[in-house]
Amino acid sequence: MDSLPDKVKRIDVLRVEYGKKKLCQCYDPHYEIDYQNRLVYCVDCGAIVDPFEALMGIAKSYDRISRQIEALLEQRREIASYKPHLVVIKDLERRYRAQNFSMVPCCPRCGEPFDLSELTLWSSRVFLKKEEPDDK
């Protein structure tokens, strides 16, 4: 063996490429976990994400999770404060306050306007009689 061979045999089982960018470059990615294949996907762009990187992203974006929790708590407070039996009263109040308290309700029977301070007499709902339509 006096000389070296012209071609050098390469062993290329594994190559490392340092110049490539990440597949997912979403600003606020939403992740989906594939339990069967143990993969994490970005729902927004469809890229496969390293599970550790996804976990770090979630840990760093804790303020986003906090905002979502606050929104859910606000929705819970709205649902808790919703009282369907007060819908008519709230609507009456909204209309009464409209245009600087210049609106007043009218009597449903005679149509005459009256001030709410004139409501002094109340009756039980049991005694409420609905007008029945005339049979023709």
C-alpha atoms as a PDB file:
ATOM      1  CA  MET A   1       0.000   0.000   0.000  1.00  0.00           C
ATOM      2  CA  ASP A   2       2.147   2.756  -1.290  1.00  0.00           C
ATOM      3  CA  SER A   3      -0.496   5.405  -1.899  1.00  0.00           C
ATOM      4  CA  LEU A   4      -3.725   6.539  -0.369  1.00  0.00           C
ATOM      5  CA  PRO A   5      -6.987   5.749  -2.178  1.00  0.00           C
ATOM      6  CA  ASP A   6      -8.509   8.516  -4.288  1.00  0.00           C
ATOM      7  CA  LYS A   7     -11.926   8.266  -2.695  1.00  0.00           C
ATOM      8  CA  VAL A   8     -12.373   8.403   1.049  1.00  0.00           C
ATOM      9  CA  LYS A   9     -15.255   6.319   2.287  1.00  0.00           C
ATOM     10  CA  ARG A  10     -17.717   8.297   4.335  1.00  0.00           C
ATOM     11  CA  ILE A  11     -19.589   7.167   7.364  1.00  0.00           C
ATOM     12  CA  ASP A  12     -22.806   9.172   7.370  1.00  0.00           C
ATOM     13  CA  VAL A  13     -25.135   7.451   9.768  1.00  0.00           C
ATOM     14  CA  LEU A  14     -25.930  10.738  11.505  1.00  0.00           C
ATOM     15  CA  ARG A  15     -25.471  14.330  10.488  1.00  0.00           C
ATOM     16  CA  VAL A  16     -25.975  17.427  12.571  1.00  0.00           C
ATOM     17  CA  GLU A  17     -27.337  20.525  10.875  1.00  0.00           C
ATOM     18  CA  TYR A  18     -26.972  23.665  12.954  1.00  0.00           C
ATOM     19  CA  GLY A  19     -28.238  26.235  10.450  1.00  0.00           C
ATOM     20  CA  LYS A  20     -31.915  25.239  10.305  1.00  0.00           C
ATOM     21  CA  LYS A  21     -34.701  27.210  11.968  1.00  0.00           C
ATOM     22  CA  LYS A  22     -37.358  25.775  14.246  1.00  0.00           C
ATOM     23  CA  LEU A  23     -40.341  24.261  12.475  1.00  0.00           C
ATOM     24  CA  CYS A  24     -42.882  26.085  14.654  1.00  0.00           C
ATOM     25  CA  GLN A  25     -42.390  29.825  14.833  1.00  0.00           C
ATOM     26  CA  CYS A  26     -45.856  30.739  16.090  1.00  0.00           C
ATOM     27  CA  TYR A  27     -46.106  33.641  18.554  1.00  0.00           C
ATOM     28  CA  ASP A  28     -48.604  32.033  20.956  1.00  0.00           C
ATOM     29  CA  PRO A  29     -48.720  28.390  19.879  1.00  0.00           C
ATOM     30  CA  HIS A  30     -51.520  26.045  20.886  1.00  0.00           C
ATOM     31  CA  TYR A  31     -50.353  22.503  21.462  1.00  0.00           C
ATOM     32  CA  GLU A  32     -51.978  19.128  20.887  1.00  0.00           C
ATOM     33  CA  ILE A  33     -50.568  15.951  22.397  1.00  0.00           C
ATOM     34  CA  ASP A  34     -50.530  12.718  20.397  1.00  0.00           C
ATOM     35  CA  TYR A  35     -50.556  10.200  23.237  1.00  0.00           C
ATOM     36  CA  GLN A  36     -50.134   7.134  21.029  1.00  0.00           C
ATOM     37  CA  ASN A  37     -47.001   8.346  19.208  1.00  0.00           C
ATOM     38  CA  ARG A  38     -45.701  10.508  22.076  1.00  0.00           C
ATOM     39  CA  LEU A  39     -45.557  13.634  19.929  1.00  0.00           C
ATOM     40  CA  VAL A  40     -46.555  17.239  20.474  1.00  0.00           C
ATOM     41  CA  TYR A  41     -48.040  19.214  17.570  1.00  0.00           C
ATOM     42  CA  CYS A  42     -48.623  22.918  17.125  1.00  0.00           C
ATOM     43  CA  VAL A  43     -52.315  23.265  16.305  1.00  0.00           C
ATOM     44  CA  ASP A  44     -51.721  26.600  14.547  1.00  0.00           C
ATOM     45  CA  CYS A  45     -49.062  25.565  11.999  1.00  0.00           C
ATOM     46  CA  GLY A  46     -49.092  21.747  12.299  1.00  0.00           C
ATOM     47  CA  ALA A  47     -45.375  21.421  13.092  1.00  0.00           C
ATOM     48  CA  ILE A  48     -44.030  18.756  15.418  1.00  0.00           C
ATOM     49  CA  VAL A  49     -42.663  20.406  18.558  1.00  0.00           C
ATOM     50  CA  ASP A  50     -40.122  19.058  21.010  1.00  0.00           C
ATOM     51  CA  PRO A  51     -42.066  18.177  24.198  1.00  0.00           C
ATOM     52  CA  PHE A  52     -39.538  19.905  26.460  1.00  0.00           C
ATOM     53  CA  GLU A  53     -39.710  23.042  24.313  1.00  0.00           C
ATOM     54  CA  ALA A  54     -43.517  22.987  24.502  1.00  0.00           C
ATOM     55  CA  LEU A  55     -43.358  22.665  28.282  1.00  0.00           C
ATOM     56  CA  MET A  56     -40.895  25.567  28.492  1.00  0.00           C
ATOM     57  CA  GLY A  57     -43.171  27.664  26.271  1.00  0.00           C
ATOM     58  CA  ILE A  58     -46.137  26.988  28.524  1.00  0.00           C
ATOM     59  CA  ALA A  59     -44.084  27.835  31.609  1.00  0.00           C
ATOM     60  CA  LYS A  60     -42.887  31.105  30.068  1.00  0.00           C
ATOM     61  CA  SER A  61     -46.362  32.133  28.886  1.00  0.00           C
ATOM     62  CA  TYR A  62     -47.939  31.860  32.305  1.00  0.00           C
ATOM     63  CA  ASP A  63     -49.498  35.317  31.889  1.00  0.00           C
ATOM     64  CA  ARG A  64     -51.586  33.976  28.983  1.00  0.00           C
ATOM     65  CA  ILE A  65     -52.884  31.176  31.203  1.00  0.00           C
ATOM     66  CA  SER A  66     -53.524  33.726  33.943  1.00  0.00           C
ATOM     67  CA  ARG A  67     -55.571  35.890  31.536  1.00  0.00           C
ATOM     68  CA  GLN A  68     -57.639  32.862  30.522  1.00  0.00           C
ATOM     69  CA  ILE A  69     -58.278  32.014  34.180  1.00  0.00           C
ATOM     70  CA  GLU A  70     -59.352  35.615  34.862  1.00  0.00           C
ATOM     71  CA  ALA A  71     -61.740  35.500  31.896  1.00  0.00           C
ATOM     72  CA  LEU A  72     -63.247  32.263  33.190  1.00  0.00           C
ATOM     73  CA  LEU A  73     -63.638  33.719  36.693  1.00  0.00           C
ATOM     74  CA  GLU A  74     -65.351  36.802  35.236  1.00  0.00           C
ATOM     75  CA  GLN A  75     -67.717  34.558  33.287  1.00  0.00           C
ATOM     76  CA  ARG A  76     -68.415  32.606  36.485  1.00  0.00           C
ATOM     77  CA  ARG A  77     -69.223  35.857  38.322  1.00  0.00           C
ATOM     78  CA  GLU A  78     -71.593  36.896  35.509  1.00  0.00           C
ATOM     79  CA  ILE A  79     -73.375  33.549  35.642  1.00  0.00           C
ATOM     80  CA  ALA A  80     -73.592  33.681  39.437  1.00  0.00           C
ATOM     81  CA  SER A  81     -75.027  37.203  39.392  1.00  0.00           C
ATOM     82  CA  TYR A  82     -77.574  36.393  36.694  1.00  0.00           C
ATOM     83  CA  LYS A  83     -80.995  36.230  38.257  1.00  0.00           C
ATOM     84  CA  PRO A  84     -83.702  35.515  35.699  1.00  0.00           C
ATOM     85  CA  HIS A  85     -86.467  36.576  38.080  1.00  0.00           C
ATOM     86  CA  LEU A  86     -85.015  40.116  38.052  1.00  0.00           C
ATOM     87  CA  VAL A  87     -84.841  40.519  34.264  1.00  0.00           C
ATOM     88  CA  VAL A  88     -88.075  42.538  34.132  1.00  0.00           C
ATOM     89  CA  ILE A  89     -86.968  44.808  36.988  1.00  0.00           C
ATOM     90  CA  LYS A  90     -83.523  45.363  35.412  1.00  0.00           C
ATOM     91  CA  ASP A  91     -85.139  46.205  32.090  1.00  0.00           C
ATOM     92  CA  LEU A  92     -87.507  48.609  33.826  1.00  0.00           C
ATOM     93  CA  GLU A  93     -84.559  50.267  35.581  1.00  0.00           C
ATOM     94  CA  ARG A  94     -82.586  50.542  32.316  1.00  0.00           C
ATOM     95  CA  ARG A  95     -85.530  52.203  30.583  1.00  0.00           C
ATOM     96  CA  TYR A  96     -86.199  54.454  33.586  1.00  0.00           C
ATOM     97  CA  ARG A  97     -82.577  55.692  33.585  1.00  0.00           C
ATOM     98  CA  ALA A  98     -82.537  56.234  29.825  1.00  0.00           C
ATOM     99  CA  GLN A  99     -82.195  59.842  28.630  1.00  0.00           C
ATOM    100  CA  ASN A 100     -81.419  61.266  32.077  1.00  0.00           C
ATOM    101  CA  PHE A 101     -84.423  59.828  33.895  1.00  0.00           C
ATOM    102  CA  SER A 102     -86.844  61.548  31.499  1.00  0.00           C
ATOM    103  CA  MET A 103     -88.753  58.366  30.665  1.00  0.00           C
ATOM    104  CA  VAL A 104     -91.599  57.112  32.850  1.00  0.00           C
ATOM    105  CA  PRO A 105     -93.625  53.910  32.494  1.00  0.00           C
ATOM    106  CA  CYS A 106     -97.212  53.801  31.292  1.00  0.00           C
ATOM    107  CA  CYS A 107    -100.039  51.797  32.810  1.00  0.00           C
ATOM    108  CA  PRO A 108    -100.576  48.578  30.824  1.00  0.00           C
ATOM    109  CA  ARG A 109    -104.369  48.864  31.280  1.00  0.00           C
ATOM    110  CA  CYS A 110    -105.149  52.488  30.498  1.00  0.00           C
ATOM    111  CA  GLY A 111    -101.896  53.653  28.865  1.00  0.00           C
ATOM    112  CA  GLU A 112    -101.488  56.676  31.152  1.00  0.00           C
ATOM    113  CA  PRO A 113     -97.906  57.541  32.222  1.00  0.00           C
ATOM    114  CA  PHE A 114     -97.084  57.432  35.932  1.00  0.00           C
ATOM    115  CA  ASP A 115     -94.082  57.940  38.185  1.00  0.00           C
ATOM    116  CA  LEU A 116     -92.510  54.884  39.802  1.00  0.00           C
ATOM    117  CA  SER A 117     -92.927  56.484  43.228  1.00  0.00           C
ATOM    118  CA  GLU A 118     -96.687  55.947  42.747  1.00  0.00           C
ATOM    119  CA  LEU A 119     -96.142  52.184  43.060  1.00  0.00           C
ATOM    120  CA  THR A 120     -97.248  51.735  46.645  1.00  0.00           C
ATOM    121  CA  LEU A 121     -99.571  48.759  46.557  1.00  0.00           C
ATOM    122  CA  TRP A 122     -98.334  45.247  45.853  1.00  0.00           C
ATOM    123  CA  SER A 123    -100.168  41.924  45.602  1.00  0.00           C
ATOM    124  CA  SER A 124     -99.229  38.278  45.599  1.00  0.00           C
ATOM    125  CA  ARG A 125     -98.576  36.625  42.252  1.00  0.00           C
ATOM    126  CA  VAL A 126    -101.284  34.091  43.148  1.00  0.00           C
ATOM    127  CA  PHE A 127    -103.942  36.769  42.649  1.00  0.00           C
ATOM    128  CA  LEU A 128    -102.596  37.791  39.241  1.00  0.00           C
ATOM    129  CA  LYS A 129    -105.274  37.151  36.635  1.00  0.00           C
ATOM    130  CA  LYS A 130    -104.315  37.019  33.015  1.00  0.00           C
ATOM    131  CA  GLU A 131    -106.782  38.411  30.528  1.00  0.00           C
ATOM    132  CA  GLU A 132    -108.126  35.616  28.407  1.00  0.00           C
ATOM    133  CA  PRO A 133    -108.668  36.269  24.705  1.00  0.00           C
ATOM    134  CA  ASP A 134    -112.287  36.637  23.685  1.00  0.00           C
ATOM    135  CA  ASP A 135    -113.787  33.544  22.072  1.00  0.00           C
ATOM    136  CA  LYS A 136    -115.081  34.462  18.620  1.00  0.00           C
END
